[in-house]
Amino acid sequence: MKYAFDEQWTAIARDIAETLGYKYVIPEKVTVVRSWGSKTKRTIARIHSIGKVMMLGMGQKKSFYVIELITEKFDRQSNEDKLETIIHELMHIPKTFGGGFRHHDHVCHTNVKKEYKRFMEIKKQGKEQTLIYQQESKGRVEWLE
């Protein structure tokens, strides 16, 4: 497997968390990486965190979350599905931001769709001064101001 930090999708994930009012998400402690070569059949993305023992050993009070995008699967999605995938992974982060995860009883298709719709409505209303995601082409994200 190969991994690479993805600055553009990190910015998008942080923007989504801010726009949706996930105030418990510490932006500088959430990043996105791409991976290549995964043998997974169904996984499009997954979220990782630093466990409590590592946090203690590093002298950290809050965890660090990394969203991994399985490039071979993620890139085939529509733009809407890509945003829903990021929302899905962000929804796994608990309000304690302590290294654990919220389970699929909360992070389900219905709730992800609701959050996606809310995100798009907020962006369309212009209530946020952040950048609006428009499209991705050839791995480059374009933004509307």
N, C-alpha and C. Protein backbone atom coordinates (compact mmCIF):
# COMPACT_ATOMS: atom_id res chain seq x y z
N MET A 1 0.85 -1.18 0.00
CA MET A 1 0.00 0.00 0.00
C MET A 1 0.89 1.24 0.00
N LYS A 2 0.41 2.25 -0.69
CA LYS A 2 1.09 3.54 -0.71
C LYS A 2 0.12 4.58 -0.17
N TYR A 3 0.68 5.59 0.50
CA TYR A 3 -0.13 6.65 1.09
C TYR A 3 0.45 8.01 0.73
N ALA A 4 -0.42 9.01 0.61
CA ALA A 4 0.02 10.38 0.38
C ALA A 4 -0.98 11.34 1.04
N PHE A 5 -0.46 12.36 1.69
CA PHE A 5 -1.29 13.42 2.26
C PHE A 5 -2.03 14.12 1.13
N ASP A 6 -3.30 14.45 1.34
CA ASP A 6 -4.10 15.15 0.33
C ASP A 6 -4.57 16.49 0.89
N GLU A 7 -3.86 17.52 0.51
CA GLU A 7 -4.14 18.87 1.02
C GLU A 7 -5.53 19.36 0.63
N GLN A 8 -5.93 19.08 -0.61
CA GLN A 8 -7.23 19.58 -1.09
C GLN A 8 -8.39 18.93 -0.36
N TRP A 9 -8.35 17.62 -0.20
CA TRP A 9 -9.46 16.95 0.49
C TRP A 9 -9.41 17.22 1.99
N THR A 10 -8.23 17.51 2.52
CA THR A 10 -8.15 17.94 3.92
C THR A 10 -8.90 19.25 4.09
N ALA A 11 -8.67 20.18 3.17
CA ALA A 11 -9.37 21.48 3.22
C ALA A 11 -10.88 21.29 3.09
N ILE A 12 -11.30 20.40 2.20
CA ILE A 12 -12.74 20.14 2.01
C ILE A 12 -13.33 19.54 3.27
N ALA A 13 -12.66 18.56 3.86
CA ALA A 13 -13.18 17.92 5.09
C ALA A 13 -13.32 18.94 6.20
N ARG A 14 -12.32 19.79 6.37
CA ARG A 14 -12.38 20.81 7.42
C ARG A 14 -13.49 21.81 7.14
N ASP A 15 -13.68 22.17 5.87
CA ASP A 15 -14.75 23.09 5.49
C ASP A 15 -16.12 22.47 5.78
N ILE A 16 -16.27 21.21 5.46
CA ILE A 16 -17.54 20.52 5.72
C ILE A 16 -17.83 20.51 7.22
N ALA A 17 -16.83 20.16 8.03
CA ALA A 17 -17.03 20.12 9.49
C ALA A 17 -17.42 21.49 10.02
N GLU A 18 -16.76 22.53 9.52
CA GLU A 18 -17.07 23.89 9.97
C GLU A 18 -18.46 24.31 9.52
N THR A 19 -18.77 24.06 8.27
CA THR A 19 -20.07 24.45 7.72
C THR A 19 -21.22 23.77 8.45
N LEU A 20 -21.05 22.48 8.76
CA LEU A 20 -22.11 21.73 9.44
C LEU A 20 -22.14 21.99 10.95
N GLY A 21 -21.23 22.82 11.43
CA GLY A 21 -21.25 23.18 12.85
C GLY A 21 -20.72 22.10 13.78
N TYR A 22 -19.82 21.26 13.29
CA TYR A 22 -19.20 20.23 14.13
C TYR A 22 -18.10 20.91 14.95
N LYS A 23 -18.50 21.69 15.93
CA LYS A 23 -17.56 22.49 16.71
C LYS A 23 -16.57 21.65 17.51
N TYR A 24 -16.92 20.42 17.79
CA TYR A 24 -16.04 19.52 18.53
C TYR A 24 -14.88 19.01 17.67
N VAL A 25 -14.98 19.14 16.35
CA VAL A 25 -13.91 18.72 15.45
C VAL A 25 -12.83 19.80 15.44
N ILE A 26 -11.64 19.41 15.83
CA ILE A 26 -10.50 20.34 15.86
C ILE A 26 -9.85 20.27 14.47
N PRO A 27 -10.02 21.33 13.66
CA PRO A 27 -9.59 21.26 12.26
C PRO A 27 -8.14 20.82 12.05
N GLU A 28 -7.25 21.35 12.84
CA GLU A 28 -5.83 21.01 12.64
C GLU A 28 -5.49 19.58 13.08
N LYS A 29 -6.47 18.88 13.65
CA LYS A 29 -6.27 17.49 14.06
C LYS A 29 -7.10 16.53 13.22
N VAL A 30 -7.51 16.99 12.04
CA VAL A 30 -8.20 16.14 11.07
C VAL A 30 -7.52 16.34 9.72
N THR A 31 -7.03 15.25 9.14
CA THR A 31 -6.41 15.33 7.82
C THR A 31 -6.95 14.21 6.94
N VAL A 32 -6.65 14.32 5.66
CA VAL A 32 -7.07 13.32 4.69
C VAL A 32 -5.83 12.81 3.95
N VAL A 33 -5.76 11.50 3.81
CA VAL A 33 -4.70 10.89 3.00
C VAL A 33 -5.36 10.02 1.93
N ARG A 34 -4.64 9.82 0.87
CA ARG A 34 -5.06 8.90 -0.19
C ARG A 34 -4.23 7.63 -0.05
N SER A 35 -4.83 6.50 -0.38
CA SER A 35 -4.08 5.25 -0.40
C SER A 35 -4.29 4.58 -1.75
N TRP A 36 -3.30 3.82 -2.15
CA TRP A 36 -3.34 3.04 -3.39
C TRP A 36 -2.92 1.62 -3.06
N GLY A 37 -3.56 0.67 -3.72
CA GLY A 37 -3.16 -0.72 -3.58
C GLY A 37 -3.92 -1.52 -2.55
N SER A 38 -5.02 -1.00 -2.04
CA SER A 38 -5.80 -1.73 -1.06
C SER A 38 -6.49 -2.93 -1.73
N LYS A 39 -6.60 -4.01 -1.00
CA LYS A 39 -7.27 -5.22 -1.50
C LYS A 39 -8.75 -5.24 -1.13
N THR A 40 -9.23 -4.20 -0.45
CA THR A 40 -10.62 -4.17 -0.02
C THR A 40 -11.56 -4.20 -1.21
N LYS A 41 -12.67 -4.88 -1.05
CA LYS A 41 -13.63 -4.99 -2.14
C LYS A 41 -14.71 -3.90 -2.08
N ARG A 42 -15.12 -3.50 -0.87
CA ARG A 42 -16.25 -2.57 -0.74
C ARG A 42 -15.90 -1.24 -0.12
N THR A 43 -14.81 -1.14 0.60
CA THR A 43 -14.48 0.07 1.34
C THR A 43 -14.03 1.18 0.39
N ILE A 44 -14.63 2.36 0.55
CA ILE A 44 -14.31 3.53 -0.26
C ILE A 44 -13.39 4.46 0.54
N ALA A 45 -13.64 4.52 1.84
CA ALA A 45 -12.84 5.37 2.73
C ALA A 45 -12.95 4.80 4.13
N ARG A 46 -12.02 5.18 4.98
CA ARG A 46 -12.09 4.79 6.39
C ARG A 46 -11.42 5.86 7.22
N ILE A 47 -11.75 5.85 8.49
CA ILE A 47 -11.19 6.86 9.40
C ILE A 47 -10.34 6.15 10.45
N HIS A 48 -9.22 6.77 10.78
CA HIS A 48 -8.28 6.23 11.76
C HIS A 48 -8.08 7.28 12.86
N SER A 49 -7.69 6.82 14.02
CA SER A 49 -7.35 7.77 15.09
C SER A 49 -6.20 7.21 15.91
N ILE A 50 -5.65 8.08 16.73
CA ILE A 50 -4.61 7.67 17.66
C ILE A 50 -5.31 7.23 18.94
N GLY A 51 -4.96 6.05 19.42
CA GLY A 51 -5.58 5.53 20.63
C GLY A 51 -5.11 6.24 21.89
N LYS A 52 -5.77 5.96 22.98
CA LYS A 52 -5.50 6.64 24.25
C LYS A 52 -4.07 6.44 24.74
N VAL A 53 -3.51 5.24 24.57
CA VAL A 53 -2.15 5.00 25.03
C VAL A 53 -1.16 5.86 24.25
N MET A 54 -1.34 5.94 22.94
CA MET A 54 -0.47 6.78 22.12
C MET A 54 -0.64 8.25 22.48
N MET A 55 -1.89 8.68 22.70
CA MET A 55 -2.14 10.07 23.08
C MET A 55 -1.41 10.40 24.37
N LEU A 56 -1.53 9.52 25.36
CA LEU A 56 -0.88 9.72 26.65
C LEU A 56 0.64 9.79 26.46
N GLY A 57 1.18 8.84 25.70
CA GLY A 57 2.62 8.81 25.46
C GLY A 57 3.12 10.04 24.73
N MET A 58 2.29 10.64 23.91
CA MET A 58 2.67 11.83 23.16
C MET A 58 2.33 13.12 23.91
N GLY A 59 1.72 12.97 25.10
CA GLY A 59 1.36 14.15 25.88
C GLY A 59 0.21 14.94 25.28
N GLN A 60 -0.67 14.27 24.55
CA GLN A 60 -1.81 14.93 23.91
C GLN A 60 -3.08 14.70 24.72
N LYS A 61 -3.93 15.72 24.77
CA LYS A 61 -5.21 15.60 25.46
C LYS A 61 -6.33 15.21 24.48
N LYS A 62 -6.18 15.57 23.23
CA LYS A 62 -7.17 15.25 22.20
C LYS A 62 -6.51 14.38 21.14
N SER A 63 -7.32 13.60 20.47
CA SER A 63 -6.82 12.66 19.48
C SER A 63 -6.50 13.35 18.16
N PHE A 64 -6.18 12.58 17.19
CA PHE A 64 -5.91 13.03 15.83
C PHE A 64 -6.62 12.04 14.92
N TYR A 65 -7.39 12.55 13.98
CA TYR A 65 -8.15 11.69 13.07
C TYR A 65 -7.65 11.85 11.64
N VAL A 66 -7.53 10.73 10.95
CA VAL A 66 -7.10 10.71 9.56
C VAL A 66 -8.15 9.97 8.74
N ILE A 67 -8.66 10.65 7.73
CA ILE A 67 -9.59 10.02 6.80
C ILE A 67 -8.75 9.48 5.64
N GLU A 68 -8.87 8.20 5.41
CA GLU A 68 -8.14 7.55 4.31
C GLU A 68 -9.10 7.34 3.15
N LEU A 69 -8.75 7.88 2.00
CA LEU A 69 -9.54 7.69 0.78
C LEU A 69 -8.89 6.58 -0.04
N ILE A 70 -9.62 5.52 -0.32
CA ILE A 70 -9.13 4.43 -1.16
C ILE A 70 -9.25 4.93 -2.60
N THR A 71 -8.15 5.40 -3.14
CA THR A 71 -8.16 6.13 -4.41
C THR A 71 -8.88 5.38 -5.53
N GLU A 72 -8.62 4.10 -5.66
CA GLU A 72 -9.23 3.33 -6.75
C GLU A 72 -10.75 3.33 -6.68
N LYS A 73 -11.31 3.41 -5.49
CA LYS A 73 -12.77 3.42 -5.32
C LYS A 73 -13.32 4.85 -5.25
N PHE A 74 -12.65 5.68 -4.47
CA PHE A 74 -13.13 7.04 -4.22
C PHE A 74 -13.21 7.85 -5.51
N ASP A 75 -12.19 7.76 -6.35
CA ASP A 75 -12.13 8.58 -7.56
C ASP A 75 -13.22 8.23 -8.58
N ARG A 76 -13.80 7.04 -8.48
CA ARG A 76 -14.86 6.63 -9.41
C ARG A 76 -16.22 7.20 -9.02
N GLN A 77 -16.31 7.78 -7.84
CA GLN A 77 -17.60 8.30 -7.36
C GLN A 77 -17.95 9.63 -8.03
N SER A 78 -19.24 9.95 -8.01
CA SER A 78 -19.68 11.28 -8.44
C SER A 78 -19.23 12.29 -7.39
N ASN A 79 -19.27 13.57 -7.73
CA ASN A 79 -18.90 14.62 -6.78
C ASN A 79 -19.79 14.58 -5.54
N GLU A 80 -21.09 14.35 -5.74
CA GLU A 80 -22.01 14.26 -4.61
C GLU A 80 -21.62 13.11 -3.68
N ASP A 81 -21.34 11.96 -4.28
CA ASP A 81 -20.96 10.80 -3.47
C ASP A 81 -19.64 11.02 -2.74
N LYS A 82 -18.72 11.74 -3.36
CA LYS A 82 -17.44 12.05 -2.69
C LYS A 82 -17.68 12.88 -1.44
N LEU A 83 -18.53 13.90 -1.57
CA LEU A 83 -18.84 14.74 -0.40
C LEU A 83 -19.56 13.93 0.67
N GLU A 84 -20.48 13.07 0.25
CA GLU A 84 -21.18 12.22 1.22
C GLU A 84 -20.21 11.27 1.92
N THR A 85 -19.22 10.79 1.20
CA THR A 85 -18.22 9.91 1.81
C THR A 85 -17.45 10.65 2.89
N ILE A 86 -17.05 11.88 2.61
CA ILE A 86 -16.32 12.68 3.61
C ILE A 86 -17.22 12.95 4.81
N ILE A 87 -18.47 13.32 4.56
CA ILE A 87 -19.43 13.56 5.65
C ILE A 87 -19.58 12.29 6.48
N HIS A 88 -19.72 11.16 5.82
CA HIS A 88 -19.85 9.88 6.52
C HIS A 88 -18.68 9.67 7.48
N GLU A 89 -17.48 9.87 6.99
CA GLU A 89 -16.29 9.65 7.84
C GLU A 89 -16.23 10.67 8.98
N LEU A 90 -16.56 11.93 8.71
CA LEU A 90 -16.58 12.95 9.78
C LEU A 90 -17.61 12.61 10.85
N MET A 91 -18.72 12.02 10.45
CA MET A 91 -19.76 11.67 11.41
C MET A 91 -19.32 10.58 12.38
N HIS A 92 -18.28 9.84 12.04
CA HIS A 92 -17.74 8.82 12.95
C HIS A 92 -17.01 9.45 14.13
N ILE A 93 -16.60 10.71 14.02
CA ILE A 93 -15.85 11.37 15.10
C ILE A 93 -16.81 11.72 16.23
N PRO A 94 -16.55 11.23 17.45
CA PRO A 94 -17.45 11.53 18.57
C PRO A 94 -17.24 12.95 19.10
N LYS A 95 -18.22 13.45 19.81
CA LYS A 95 -18.14 14.81 20.35
C LYS A 95 -17.01 14.97 21.36
N THR A 96 -16.55 13.87 21.94
CA THR A 96 -15.43 13.95 22.89
C THR A 96 -14.09 14.14 22.19
N PHE A 97 -14.03 13.84 20.89
CA PHE A 97 -12.80 13.92 20.10
C PHE A 97 -11.67 13.19 20.82
N GLY A 98 -12.00 12.05 21.40
CA GLY A 98 -11.05 11.35 22.26
C GLY A 98 -10.39 10.12 21.67
N GLY A 99 -10.51 9.89 20.37
CA GLY A 99 -9.86 8.75 19.76
C GLY A 99 -10.80 7.61 19.44
N GLY A 100 -12.03 7.69 19.91
CA GLY A 100 -13.02 6.65 19.62
C GLY A 100 -13.77 6.96 18.34
N PHE A 101 -14.83 6.19 18.13
CA PHE A 101 -15.64 6.34 16.92
C PHE A 101 -17.12 6.19 17.25
N ARG A 102 -17.95 6.93 16.51
CA ARG A 102 -19.39 6.70 16.55
C ARG A 102 -19.70 5.58 15.58
N HIS A 103 -20.63 4.73 15.96
CA HIS A 103 -20.92 3.53 15.18
C HIS A 103 -21.97 3.79 14.09
N HIS A 104 -22.23 2.76 13.32
CA HIS A 104 -23.14 2.89 12.19
C HIS A 104 -24.62 2.98 12.59
N ASP A 105 -24.93 2.92 13.87
CA ASP A 105 -26.31 3.20 14.26
C ASP A 105 -26.58 4.71 14.10
N HIS A 106 -25.54 5.52 14.24
CA HIS A 106 -25.64 6.97 14.03
C HIS A 106 -25.18 7.33 12.61
N VAL A 107 -24.10 6.73 12.18
CA VAL A 107 -23.54 7.03 10.86
C VAL A 107 -24.16 6.06 9.85
N CYS A 108 -25.36 6.41 9.42
CA CYS A 108 -26.10 5.56 8.49
C CYS A 108 -26.46 6.36 7.24
N HIS A 109 -26.90 5.68 6.22
CA HIS A 109 -27.22 6.30 4.94
C HIS A 109 -28.19 7.47 5.09
N THR A 110 -29.24 7.27 5.87
CA THR A 110 -30.26 8.31 6.06
C THR A 110 -29.66 9.56 6.69
N ASN A 111 -28.87 9.39 7.75
CA ASN A 111 -28.27 10.55 8.43
C ASN A 111 -27.22 11.24 7.57
N VAL A 112 -26.47 10.47 6.82
CA VAL A 112 -25.47 11.06 5.92
C VAL A 112 -26.17 11.90 4.85
N LYS A 113 -27.24 11.37 4.27
CA LYS A 113 -28.01 12.12 3.26
C LYS A 113 -28.56 13.42 3.84
N LYS A 114 -29.07 13.36 5.08
CA LYS A 114 -29.59 14.57 5.72
C LYS A 114 -28.50 15.61 5.90
N GLU A 115 -27.33 15.17 6.33
CA GLU A 115 -26.21 16.10 6.54
C GLU A 115 -25.72 16.67 5.21
N TYR A 116 -25.69 15.85 4.18
CA TYR A 116 -25.29 16.34 2.85
C TYR A 116 -26.26 17.41 2.38
N LYS A 117 -27.56 17.14 2.52
CA LYS A 117 -28.58 18.11 2.10
C LYS A 117 -28.44 19.41 2.89
N ARG A 118 -28.21 19.30 4.19
CA ARG A 118 -28.04 20.48 5.04
C ARG A 118 -26.79 21.26 4.62
N PHE A 119 -25.71 20.55 4.34
CA PHE A 119 -24.46 21.19 3.89
C PHE A 119 -24.71 21.99 2.60
N MET A 120 -25.36 21.37 1.63
CA MET A 120 -25.60 22.04 0.35
C MET A 120 -26.54 23.24 0.51
N GLU A 121 -27.54 23.12 1.38
CA GLU A 121 -28.45 24.24 1.61
C GLU A 121 -27.72 25.42 2.24
N ILE A 122 -26.86 25.15 3.20
CA ILE A 122 -26.08 26.21 3.84
C ILE A 122 -25.20 26.90 2.81
N LYS A 123 -24.54 26.12 1.98
CA LYS A 123 -23.65 26.68 0.95
C LYS A 123 -24.43 27.50 -0.05
N LYS A 124 -25.58 27.01 -0.47
CA LYS A 124 -26.39 27.73 -1.47
C LYS A 124 -26.93 29.04 -0.91
N GLN A 125 -27.25 29.07 0.37
CA GLN A 125 -27.77 30.28 1.00
C GLN A 125 -26.68 31.30 1.25
N GLY A 126 -25.44 30.89 1.11
CA GLY A 126 -24.34 31.83 1.30
C GLY A 126 -24.12 32.25 2.74
N LYS A 127 -24.60 31.43 3.68
CA LYS A 127 -24.43 31.78 5.08
C LYS A 127 -22.99 31.60 5.54
N GLU A 128 -22.24 30.83 4.80
CA GLU A 128 -20.85 30.59 5.16
C GLU A 128 -19.95 31.45 4.29
N GLN A 129 -18.89 31.95 4.85
CA GLN A 129 -17.93 32.74 4.09
C GLN A 129 -16.79 31.86 3.58
N THR A 130 -16.91 30.57 3.79
CA THR A 130 -15.88 29.64 3.33
C THR A 130 -16.08 29.37 1.85
N LEU A 131 -15.14 28.70 1.27
CA LEU A 131 -15.19 28.39 -0.15
C LEU A 131 -16.22 27.31 -0.44
N ILE A 132 -16.79 27.36 -1.62
CA ILE A 132 -17.79 26.37 -2.03
C ILE A 132 -17.12 25.39 -2.98
N TYR A 133 -17.27 24.11 -2.70
CA TYR A 133 -16.75 23.06 -3.56
C TYR A 133 -17.56 23.02 -4.84
N GLN A 134 -16.89 23.06 -5.97
CA GLN A 134 -17.62 23.01 -7.23
C GLN A 134 -17.42 21.68 -7.93
N GLN A 135 -16.20 21.35 -8.26
CA GLN A 135 -15.99 20.10 -8.99
C GLN A 135 -14.55 19.66 -8.85
N GLU A 136 -14.32 18.42 -9.19
CA GLU A 136 -12.96 17.88 -9.21
C GLU A 136 -12.71 17.32 -10.59
N SER A 137 -11.58 17.68 -11.17
CA SER A 137 -11.22 17.12 -12.46
C SER A 137 -9.74 16.79 -12.46
N LYS A 138 -9.42 15.58 -12.84
CA LYS A 138 -8.04 15.10 -12.89
C LYS A 138 -7.32 15.34 -11.57
N GLY A 139 -8.00 15.06 -10.45
CA GLY A 139 -7.37 15.16 -9.15
C GLY A 139 -7.25 16.56 -8.61
N ARG A 140 -7.70 17.57 -9.34
CA ARG A 140 -7.62 18.95 -8.86
C ARG A 140 -9.00 19.42 -8.45
N VAL A 141 -9.09 20.04 -7.31
CA VAL A 141 -10.36 20.53 -6.82
C VAL A 141 -10.48 22.00 -7.21
N GLU A 142 -11.62 22.36 -7.75
CA GLU A 142 -11.87 23.75 -8.12
C GLU A 142 -12.91 24.30 -7.15
N TRP A 143 -12.75 25.54 -6.79
CA TRP A 143 -13.64 26.17 -5.81
C TRP A 143 -14.28 27.39 -6.41
N LEU A 144 -15.47 27.67 -5.99
CA LEU A 144 -16.17 28.91 -6.30
C LEU A 144 -16.09 29.81 -5.09
N GLU A 145 -15.94 31.08 -5.28
CA GLU A 145 -15.93 31.99 -4.14
C GLU A 145 -17.31 32.53 -3.90
